Amino acid sequence: MNTGDIRFSEQHSCVLDWVAWLELSKKKGAFIFVNKKLVKHRIHIDSETTNQIQNGTRYQEELEILSGIWGKSIAKLLSKFYSKGYTDNKV
């Protein structure tokens, strides 16, 4: 797949990768699954992820994206379960 001129969203500060993946999914081509860890997530008190969780931005942006895919009612339900993963961001 040629990713072309995909750019990260300037309207979001947390779900940039989600928006990019959704844009890529509209292009001709295919994705493949690689069954191994390719990146490592570092957690620390000054991380943007920690900041986004604490100020509620992460939840709001994820709800926005999920609403665009599933509709508002289902998105709210999915967000409740998905946000339980925030507890993994312990510093």
PDB file of N, CA and C in Angstrom:
ATOM      1  N   MET A   1       0.852  -1.171   0.000  1.00  0.00           N
ATOM      2  CA  MET A   1       0.000   0.000   0.000  1.00  0.00           C
ATOM      3  C   MET A   1       0.898   1.233   0.000  1.00  0.00           C
ATOM      4  N   ASN A   2       0.604   2.134  -0.857  1.00  0.00           N
ATOM      5  CA  ASN A   2       1.290   3.420  -0.869  1.00  0.00           C
ATOM      6  C   ASN A   2       0.521   4.346   0.068  1.00  0.00           C
ATOM      7  N   THR A   3       1.165   4.793   1.132  1.00  0.00           N
ATOM      8  CA  THR A   3       0.466   5.621   2.118  1.00  0.00           C
ATOM      9  C   THR A   3       0.245   7.040   1.632  1.00  0.00           C
ATOM     10  N   GLY A   4       0.886   7.409   0.534  1.00  0.00           N
ATOM     11  CA  GLY A   4       0.657   8.735  -0.033  1.00  0.00           C
ATOM     12  C   GLY A   4       1.065   9.834   0.917  1.00  0.00           C
ATOM     13  N   ASP A   5       0.225  10.812   1.024  1.00  0.00           N
ATOM     14  CA  ASP A   5       0.557  11.983   1.835  1.00  0.00           C
ATOM     15  C   ASP A   5      -0.229  12.028   3.144  1.00  0.00           C
ATOM     16  N   ILE A   6      -0.337  10.889   3.813  1.00  0.00           N
ATOM     17  CA  ILE A   6      -1.033  10.840   5.105  1.00  0.00           C
ATOM     18  C   ILE A   6      -0.334  11.775   6.084  1.00  0.00           C
ATOM     19  N   ARG A   7      -1.132  12.608   6.745  1.00  0.00           N
ATOM     20  CA  ARG A   7      -0.596  13.523   7.751  1.00  0.00           C
ATOM     21  C   ARG A   7      -1.361  13.295   9.051  1.00  0.00           C
ATOM     22  N   PHE A   8      -0.680  13.510  10.163  1.00  0.00           N
ATOM     23  CA  PHE A   8      -1.351  13.376  11.446  1.00  0.00           C
ATOM     24  C   PHE A   8      -2.309  14.542  11.658  1.00  0.00           C
ATOM     25  N   SER A   9      -3.397  14.255  12.334  1.00  0.00           N
ATOM     26  CA  SER A   9      -4.442  15.235  12.592  1.00  0.00           C
ATOM     27  C   SER A   9      -3.915  16.417  13.409  1.00  0.00           C
ATOM     28  N   GLU A  10      -4.294  17.597  12.989  1.00  0.00           N
ATOM     29  CA  GLU A  10      -3.945  18.797  13.755  1.00  0.00           C
ATOM     30  C   GLU A  10      -5.069  19.170  14.718  1.00  0.00           C
ATOM     31  N   GLN A  11      -6.205  18.492  14.608  1.00  0.00           N
ATOM     32  CA  GLN A  11      -7.344  18.763  15.484  1.00  0.00           C
ATOM     33  C   GLN A  11      -7.330  17.894  16.743  1.00  0.00           C
ATOM     34  N   HIS A  12      -6.444  16.922  16.781  1.00  0.00           N
ATOM     35  CA  HIS A  12      -6.381  16.002  17.916  1.00  0.00           C
ATOM     36  C   HIS A  12      -4.997  16.048  18.541  1.00  0.00           C
ATOM     37  N   SER A  13      -4.949  15.704  19.819  1.00  0.00           N
ATOM     38  CA  SER A  13      -3.647  15.655  20.493  1.00  0.00           C
ATOM     39  C   SER A  13      -3.349  14.276  21.061  1.00  0.00           C
ATOM     40  N   CYS A  14      -4.328  13.380  20.992  1.00  0.00           N
ATOM     41  CA  CYS A  14      -4.122  12.061  21.585  1.00  0.00           C
ATOM     42  C   CYS A  14      -4.356  10.917  20.597  1.00  0.00           C
ATOM     43  N   VAL A  15      -5.392  10.984  19.805  1.00  0.00           N
ATOM     44  CA  VAL A  15      -5.775   9.871  18.933  1.00  0.00           C
ATOM     45  C   VAL A  15      -5.219  10.023  17.519  1.00  0.00           C
ATOM     46  N   LEU A  16      -4.050  10.644  17.420  1.00  0.00           N
ATOM     47  CA  LEU A  16      -3.445  10.898  16.122  1.00  0.00           C
ATOM     48  C   LEU A  16      -3.268   9.612  15.315  1.00  0.00           C
ATOM     49  N   ASP A  17      -2.838   8.545  15.989  1.00  0.00           N
ATOM     50  CA  ASP A  17      -2.622   7.278  15.289  1.00  0.00           C
ATOM     51  C   ASP A  17      -3.943   6.668  14.832  1.00  0.00           C
ATOM     52  N   TRP A  18      -4.994   6.784  15.656  1.00  0.00           N
ATOM     53  CA  TRP A  18      -6.297   6.253  15.276  1.00  0.00           C
ATOM     54  C   TRP A  18      -6.787   6.924  13.998  1.00  0.00           C
ATOM     55  N   VAL A  19      -6.685   8.248  13.965  1.00  0.00           N
ATOM     56  CA  VAL A  19      -7.146   9.009  12.798  1.00  0.00           C
ATOM     57  C   VAL A  19      -6.336   8.605  11.566  1.00  0.00           C
ATOM     58  N   ALA A  20      -5.034   8.462  11.716  1.00  0.00           N
ATOM     59  CA  ALA A  20      -4.181   8.064  10.592  1.00  0.00           C
ATOM     60  C   ALA A  20      -4.553   6.670  10.085  1.00  0.00           C
ATOM     61  N   TRP A  21      -4.779   5.726  10.992  1.00  0.00           N
ATOM     62  CA  TRP A  21      -5.166   4.372  10.584  1.00  0.00           C
ATOM     63  C   TRP A  21      -6.504   4.385   9.855  1.00  0.00           C
ATOM     64  N   LEU A  22      -7.440   5.185  10.328  1.00  0.00           N
ATOM     65  CA  LEU A  22      -8.742   5.270   9.655  1.00  0.00           C
ATOM     66  C   LEU A  22      -8.591   5.851   8.251  1.00  0.00           C
ATOM     67  N   GLU A  23      -7.734   6.844   8.104  1.00  0.00           N
ATOM     68  CA  GLU A  23      -7.468   7.411   6.777  1.00  0.00           C
ATOM     69  C   GLU A  23      -6.803   6.376   5.869  1.00  0.00           C
ATOM     70  N   LEU A  24      -5.827   5.655   6.404  1.00  0.00           N
ATOM     71  CA  LEU A  24      -5.166   4.612   5.615  1.00  0.00           C
ATOM     72  C   LEU A  24      -6.139   3.518   5.189  1.00  0.00           C
ATOM     73  N   SER A  25      -7.111   3.213   6.035  1.00  0.00           N
ATOM     74  CA  SER A  25      -8.068   2.143   5.721  1.00  0.00           C
ATOM     75  C   SER A  25      -8.952   2.495   4.527  1.00  0.00           C
ATOM     76  N   LYS A  26      -9.030   3.761   4.178  1.00  0.00           N
ATOM     77  CA  LYS A  26      -9.834   4.195   3.029  1.00  0.00           C
ATOM     78  C   LYS A  26      -9.063   4.077   1.712  1.00  0.00           C
ATOM     79  N   LYS A  27      -7.776   3.834   1.795  1.00  0.00           N
ATOM     80  CA  LYS A  27      -6.944   3.753   0.590  1.00  0.00           C
ATOM     81  C   LYS A  27      -6.946   2.330   0.032  1.00  0.00           C
ATOM     82  N   LYS A  28      -6.641   2.234  -1.243  1.00  0.00           N
ATOM     83  CA  LYS A  28      -6.533   0.935  -1.879  1.00  0.00           C
ATOM     84  C   LYS A  28      -5.308   0.214  -1.339  1.00  0.00           C
ATOM     85  N   GLY A  29      -5.458  -1.058  -1.043  1.00  0.00           N
ATOM     86  CA  GLY A  29      -4.355  -1.848  -0.518  1.00  0.00           C
ATOM     87  C   GLY A  29      -4.821  -2.704   0.639  1.00  0.00           C
ATOM     88  N   ALA A  30      -3.879  -3.243   1.370  1.00  0.00           N
ATOM     89  CA  ALA A  30      -4.207  -4.151   2.467  1.00  0.00           C
ATOM     90  C   ALA A  30      -3.230  -3.952   3.622  1.00  0.00           C
ATOM     91  N   PHE A  31      -3.651  -4.402   4.789  1.00  0.00           N
ATOM     92  CA  PHE A  31      -2.807  -4.428   5.974  1.00  0.00           C
ATOM     93  C   PHE A  31      -2.386  -5.867   6.214  1.00  0.00           C
ATOM     94  N   ILE A  32      -1.249  -6.053   6.857  1.00  0.00           N
ATOM     95  CA  ILE A  32      -0.849  -7.387   7.284  1.00  0.00           C
ATOM     96  C   ILE A  32      -0.628  -7.361   8.794  1.00  0.00           C
ATOM     97  N   PHE A  33      -0.746  -8.502   9.416  1.00  0.00           N
ATOM     98  CA  PHE A  33      -0.555  -8.638  10.850  1.00  0.00           C
ATOM     99  C   PHE A  33       0.823  -9.224  11.114  1.00  0.00           C
ATOM    100  N   VAL A  34       1.582  -8.577  11.964  1.00  0.00           N
ATOM    101  CA  VAL A  34       2.897  -9.066  12.373  1.00  0.00           C
ATOM    102  C   VAL A  34       2.772  -9.465  13.838  1.00  0.00           C
ATOM    103  N   ASN A  35       2.968 -10.721  14.127  1.00  0.00           N
ATOM    104  CA  ASN A  35       2.728 -11.256  15.464  1.00  0.00           C
ATOM    105  C   ASN A  35       3.968 -11.149  16.360  1.00  0.00           C
ATOM    106  N   LYS A  36       4.456  -9.915  16.540  1.00  0.00           N
ATOM    107  CA  LYS A  36       5.530  -9.682  17.498  1.00  0.00           C
ATOM    108  C   LYS A  36       5.521  -8.199  17.872  1.00  0.00           C
ATOM    109  N   LYS A  37       6.103  -7.905  19.019  1.00  0.00           N
ATOM    110  CA  LYS A  37       6.157  -6.526  19.480  1.00  0.00           C
ATOM    111  C   LYS A  37       7.145  -5.749  18.618  1.00  0.00           C
ATOM    112  N   LEU A  38       6.691  -4.611  18.098  1.00  0.00           N
ATOM    113  CA  LEU A  38       7.541  -3.795  17.243  1.00  0.00           C
ATOM    114  C   LEU A  38       7.948  -2.483  17.907  1.00  0.00           C
ATOM    115  N   VAL A  39       7.194  -2.059  18.911  1.00  0.00           N
ATOM    116  CA  VAL A  39       7.514  -0.836  19.639  1.00  0.00           C
ATOM    117  C   VAL A  39       7.289  -1.075  21.124  1.00  0.00           C
ATOM    118  N   LYS A  40       7.882  -0.232  21.924  1.00  0.00           N
ATOM    119  CA  LYS A  40       7.735  -0.337  23.371  1.00  0.00           C
ATOM    120  C   LYS A  40       7.088   0.945  23.884  1.00  0.00           C
ATOM    121  N   HIS A  41       6.189   0.803  24.822  1.00  0.00           N
ATOM    122  CA  HIS A  41       5.496   1.942  25.419  1.00  0.00           C
ATOM    123  C   HIS A  41       6.182   2.304  26.735  1.00  0.00           C
ATOM    124  N   ARG A  42       6.687   3.534  26.791  1.00  0.00           N
ATOM    125  CA  ARG A  42       7.339   3.991  28.019  1.00  0.00           C
ATOM    126  C   ARG A  42       6.330   4.809  28.816  1.00  0.00           C
ATOM    127  N   ILE A  43       6.210   4.514  30.088  1.00  0.00           N
ATOM    128  CA  ILE A  43       5.286   5.228  30.953  1.00  0.00           C
ATOM    129  C   ILE A  43       6.091   6.000  31.987  1.00  0.00           C
ATOM    130  N   HIS A  44       5.815   7.306  32.073  1.00  0.00           N
ATOM    131  CA  HIS A  44       6.439   8.117  33.096  1.00  0.00           C
ATOM    132  C   HIS A  44       5.522   9.300  33.414  1.00  0.00           C
ATOM    133  N   ILE A  45       5.732   9.934  34.537  1.00  0.00           N
ATOM    134  CA  ILE A  45       4.850  10.975  35.049  1.00  0.00           C
ATOM    135  C   ILE A  45       4.701  12.144  34.080  1.00  0.00           C
ATOM    136  N   ASP A  46       5.710  12.435  33.291  1.00  0.00           N
ATOM    137  CA  ASP A  46       5.661  13.559  32.362  1.00  0.00           C
ATOM    138  C   ASP A  46       5.236  13.167  30.951  1.00  0.00           C
ATOM    139  N   SER A  47       4.789  11.923  30.757  1.00  0.00           N
ATOM    140  CA  SER A  47       4.402  11.490  29.415  1.00  0.00           C
ATOM    141  C   SER A  47       3.120  12.183  28.979  1.00  0.00           C
ATOM    142  N   GLU A  48       2.997  12.371  27.684  1.00  0.00           N
ATOM    143  CA  GLU A  48       1.782  12.987  27.150  1.00  0.00           C
ATOM    144  C   GLU A  48       0.578  12.084  27.378  1.00  0.00           C
ATOM    145  N   THR A  49       0.778  10.774  27.342  1.00  0.00           N
ATOM    146  CA  THR A  49      -0.317   9.840  27.625  1.00  0.00           C
ATOM    147  C   THR A  49      -0.857  10.062  29.029  1.00  0.00           C
ATOM    148  N   THR A  50       0.031  10.159  30.009  1.00  0.00           N
ATOM    149  CA  THR A  50      -0.386  10.407  31.398  1.00  0.00           C
ATOM    150  C   THR A  50      -1.148  11.723  31.495  1.00  0.00           C
ATOM    151  N   ASN A  51      -0.634  12.761  30.864  1.00  0.00           N
ATOM    152  CA  ASN A  51      -1.283  14.063  30.862  1.00  0.00           C
ATOM    153  C   ASN A  51      -2.674  13.990  30.224  1.00  0.00           C
ATOM    154  N   GLN A  52      -2.782  13.323  29.081  1.00  0.00           N
ATOM    155  CA  GLN A  52      -4.060  13.227  28.364  1.00  0.00           C
ATOM    156  C   GLN A  52      -5.104  12.455  29.176  1.00  0.00           C
ATOM    157  N   ILE A  53      -4.669  11.433  29.888  1.00  0.00           N
ATOM    158  CA  ILE A  53      -5.595  10.671  30.742  1.00  0.00           C
ATOM    159  C   ILE A  53      -6.057  11.549  31.898  1.00  0.00           C
ATOM    160  N   GLN A  54      -5.131  12.233  32.554  1.00  0.00           N
ATOM    161  CA  GLN A  54      -5.467  13.042  33.720  1.00  0.00           C
ATOM    162  C   GLN A  54      -6.384  14.211  33.395  1.00  0.00           C
ATOM    163  N   ASN A  55      -6.200  14.837  32.226  1.00  0.00           N
ATOM    164  CA  ASN A  55      -7.044  16.002  31.923  1.00  0.00           C
ATOM    165  C   ASN A  55      -8.309  15.639  31.144  1.00  0.00           C
ATOM    166  N   GLY A  56      -8.517  14.344  30.850  1.00  0.00           N
ATOM    167  CA  GLY A  56      -9.749  13.889  30.213  1.00  0.00           C
ATOM    168  C   GLY A  56      -9.755  13.975  28.691  1.00  0.00           C
ATOM    169  N   THR A  57      -8.690  14.517  28.112  1.00  0.00           N
ATOM    170  CA  THR A  57      -8.636  14.663  26.659  1.00  0.00           C
ATOM    171  C   THR A  57      -8.643  13.309  25.954  1.00  0.00           C
ATOM    172  N   ARG A  58      -7.902  12.363  26.502  1.00  0.00           N
ATOM    173  CA  ARG A  58      -7.830  11.048  25.861  1.00  0.00           C
ATOM    174  C   ARG A  58      -9.212  10.426  25.761  1.00  0.00           C
ATOM    175  N   TYR A  59      -9.970  10.443  26.855  1.00  0.00           N
ATOM    176  CA  TYR A  59     -11.306   9.846  26.848  1.00  0.00           C
ATOM    177  C   TYR A  59     -12.196  10.534  25.823  1.00  0.00           C
ATOM    178  N   GLN A  60     -12.187  11.864  25.793  1.00  0.00           N
ATOM    179  CA  GLN A  60     -13.046  12.621  24.870  1.00  0.00           C
ATOM    180  C   GLN A  60     -12.692  12.339  23.409  1.00  0.00           C
ATOM    181  N   GLU A  61     -11.415  12.310  23.091  1.00  0.00           N
ATOM    182  CA  GLU A  61     -11.007  12.062  21.712  1.00  0.00           C
ATOM    183  C   GLU A  61     -11.309  10.626  21.287  1.00  0.00           C
ATOM    184  N   GLU A  62     -11.084   9.682  22.187  1.00  0.00           N
ATOM    185  CA  GLU A  62     -11.407   8.290  21.858  1.00  0.00           C
ATOM    186  C   GLU A  62     -12.910   8.120  21.666  1.00  0.00           C
ATOM    187  N   LEU A  63     -13.707   8.765  22.497  1.00  0.00           N
ATOM    188  CA  LEU A  63     -15.158   8.710  22.350  1.00  0.00           C
ATOM    189  C   LEU A  63     -15.585   9.296  21.004  1.00  0.00           C
ATOM    190  N   GLU A  64     -14.954  10.378  20.597  1.00  0.00           N
ATOM    191  CA  GLU A  64     -15.254  10.995  19.298  1.00  0.00           C
ATOM    192  C   GLU A  64     -14.988  10.020  18.142  1.00  0.00           C
ATOM    193  N   ILE A  65     -13.835   9.376  18.179  1.00  0.00           N
ATOM    194  CA  ILE A  65     -13.476   8.435  17.113  1.00  0.00           C
ATOM    195  C   ILE A  65     -14.405   7.228  17.123  1.00  0.00           C
ATOM    196  N   LEU A  66     -14.640   6.665  18.296  1.00  0.00           N
ATOM    197  CA  LEU A  66     -15.533   5.503  18.390  1.00  0.00           C
ATOM    198  C   LEU A  66     -16.959   5.857  17.956  1.00  0.00           C
ATOM    199  N   SER A  67     -17.398   7.074  18.251  1.00  0.00           N
ATOM    200  CA  SER A  67     -18.735   7.515  17.828  1.00  0.00           C
ATOM    201  C   SER A  67     -18.834   7.580  16.311  1.00  0.00           C
ATOM    202  N   GLY A  68     -17.753   8.004  15.669  1.00  0.00           N
ATOM    203  CA  GLY A  68     -17.742   8.056  14.214  1.00  0.00           C
ATOM    204  C   GLY A  68     -17.800   6.685  13.569  1.00  0.00           C
ATOM    205  N   ILE A  69     -17.320   5.680  14.278  1.00  0.00           N
ATOM    206  CA  ILE A  69     -17.319   4.317  13.748  1.00  0.00           C
ATOM    207  C   ILE A  69     -18.600   3.576  14.119  1.00  0.00           C
ATOM    208  N   TRP A  70     -18.992   3.660  15.393  1.00  0.00           N
ATOM    209  CA  TRP A  70     -20.065   2.825  15.922  1.00  0.00           C
ATOM    210  C   TRP A  70     -21.354   3.570  16.244  1.00  0.00           C
ATOM    211  N   GLY A  71     -21.348   4.889  16.225  1.00  0.00           N
ATOM    212  CA  GLY A  71     -22.498   5.657  16.688  1.00  0.00           C
ATOM    213  C   GLY A  71     -22.335   5.957  18.173  1.00  0.00           C
ATOM    214  N   LYS A  72     -23.040   6.972  18.637  1.00  0.00           N
ATOM    215  CA  LYS A  72     -22.824   7.476  20.000  1.00  0.00           C
ATOM    216  C   LYS A  72     -23.152   6.476  21.107  1.00  0.00           C
ATOM    217  N   SER A  73     -24.272   5.777  20.993  1.00  0.00           N
ATOM    218  CA  SER A  73     -24.688   4.858  22.070  1.00  0.00           C
ATOM    219  C   SER A  73     -23.689   3.727  22.275  1.00  0.00           C
ATOM    220  N   ILE A  74     -23.323   3.067  21.192  1.00  0.00           N
ATOM    221  CA  ILE A  74     -22.370   1.961  21.300  1.00  0.00           C
ATOM    222  C   ILE A  74     -20.992   2.496  21.694  1.00  0.00           C
ATOM    223  N   ALA A  75     -20.626   3.666  21.178  1.00  0.00           N
ATOM    224  CA  ALA A  75     -19.329   4.266  21.511  1.00  0.00           C
ATOM    225  C   ALA A  75     -19.207   4.521  23.010  1.00  0.00           C
ATOM    226  N   LYS A  76     -20.263   5.002  23.633  1.00  0.00           N
ATOM    227  CA  LYS A  76     -20.224   5.246  25.084  1.00  0.00           C
ATOM    228  C   LYS A  76     -19.973   3.947  25.840  1.00  0.00           C
ATOM    229  N   LEU A  77     -20.636   2.886  25.417  1.00  0.00           N
ATOM    230  CA  LEU A  77     -20.449   1.585  26.056  1.00  0.00           C
ATOM    231  C   LEU A  77     -19.022   1.079  25.850  1.00  0.00           C
ATOM    232  N   LEU A  78     -18.543   1.148  24.613  1.00  0.00           N
ATOM    233  CA  LEU A  78     -17.175   0.714  24.329  1.00  0.00           C
ATOM    234  C   LEU A  78     -16.154   1.543  25.095  1.00  0.00           C
ATOM    235  N   SER A  79     -16.388   2.845  25.201  1.00  0.00           N
ATOM    236  CA  SER A  79     -15.458   3.732  25.906  1.00  0.00           C
ATOM    237  C   SER A  79     -15.339   3.379  27.375  1.00  0.00           C
ATOM    238  N   LYS A  80     -16.447   2.977  27.981  1.00  0.00           N
ATOM    239  CA  LYS A  80     -16.403   2.589  29.398  1.00  0.00           C
ATOM    240  C   LYS A  80     -15.439   1.421  29.594  1.00  0.00           C
ATOM    241  N   PHE A  81     -15.535   0.438  28.724  1.00  0.00           N
ATOM    242  CA  PHE A  81     -14.661  -0.732  28.842  1.00  0.00           C
ATOM    243  C   PHE A  81     -13.231  -0.391  28.423  1.00  0.00           C
ATOM    244  N   TYR A  82     -13.082   0.341  27.341  1.00  0.00           N
ATOM    245  CA  TYR A  82     -11.762   0.669  26.821  1.00  0.00           C
ATOM    246  C   TYR A  82     -10.971   1.507  27.821  1.00  0.00           C
ATOM    247  N   SER A  83     -11.646   2.438  28.487  1.00  0.00           N
ATOM    248  CA  SER A  83     -10.964   3.315  29.434  1.00  0.00           C
ATOM    249  C   SER A  83     -10.461   2.574  30.682  1.00  0.00           C
ATOM    250  N   LYS A  84     -10.923   1.362  30.902  1.00  0.00           N
ATOM    251  CA  LYS A  84     -10.393   0.569  32.018  1.00  0.00           C
ATOM    252  C   LYS A  84      -8.909   0.302  31.818  1.00  0.00           C
ATOM    253  N   GLY A  85      -8.451   0.328  30.575  1.00  0.00           N
ATOM    254  CA  GLY A  85      -7.035   0.113  30.261  1.00  0.00           C
ATOM    255  C   GLY A  85      -6.155   1.253  30.722  1.00  0.00           C
ATOM    256  N   TYR A  86      -6.745   2.392  31.059  1.00  0.00           N
ATOM    257  CA  TYR A  86      -5.949   3.534  31.537  1.00  0.00           C
ATOM    258  C   TYR A  86      -5.200   3.162  32.812  1.00  0.00           C
ATOM    259  N   THR A  87      -5.711   2.202  33.549  1.00  0.00           N
ATOM    260  CA  THR A  87      -5.047   1.803  34.800  1.00  0.00           C
ATOM    261  C   THR A  87      -3.676   1.174  34.527  1.00  0.00           C
ATOM    262  N   ASP A  88      -3.449   0.732  33.279  1.00  0.00           N
ATOM    263  CA  ASP A  88      -2.138   0.190  32.910  1.00  0.00           C
ATOM    264  C   ASP A  88      -1.086   1.300  32.826  1.00  0.00           C
ATOM    265  N   ASN A  89      -1.523   2.548  32.800  1.00  0.00           N
ATOM    266  CA  ASN A  89      -0.604   3.680  32.684  1.00  0.00           C
ATOM    267  C   ASN A  89      -0.205   4.151  34.085  1.00  0.00           C
ATOM    268  N   LYS A  90       0.341   3.223  34.856  1.00  0.00           N
ATOM    269  CA  LYS A  90       0.765   3.556  36.232  1.00  0.00           C
ATOM    270  C   LYS A  90       2.193   4.049  36.210  1.00  0.00           C
ATOM    271  N   VAL A  91       2.427   5.111  36.968  1.00  0.00           N
ATOM    272  CA  VAL A  91       3.779   5.659  37.050  1.00  0.00           C
ATOM    273  C   VAL A  91       4.346   5.480  38.436  1.00  0.00           C
TER     274      VAL A  91
END
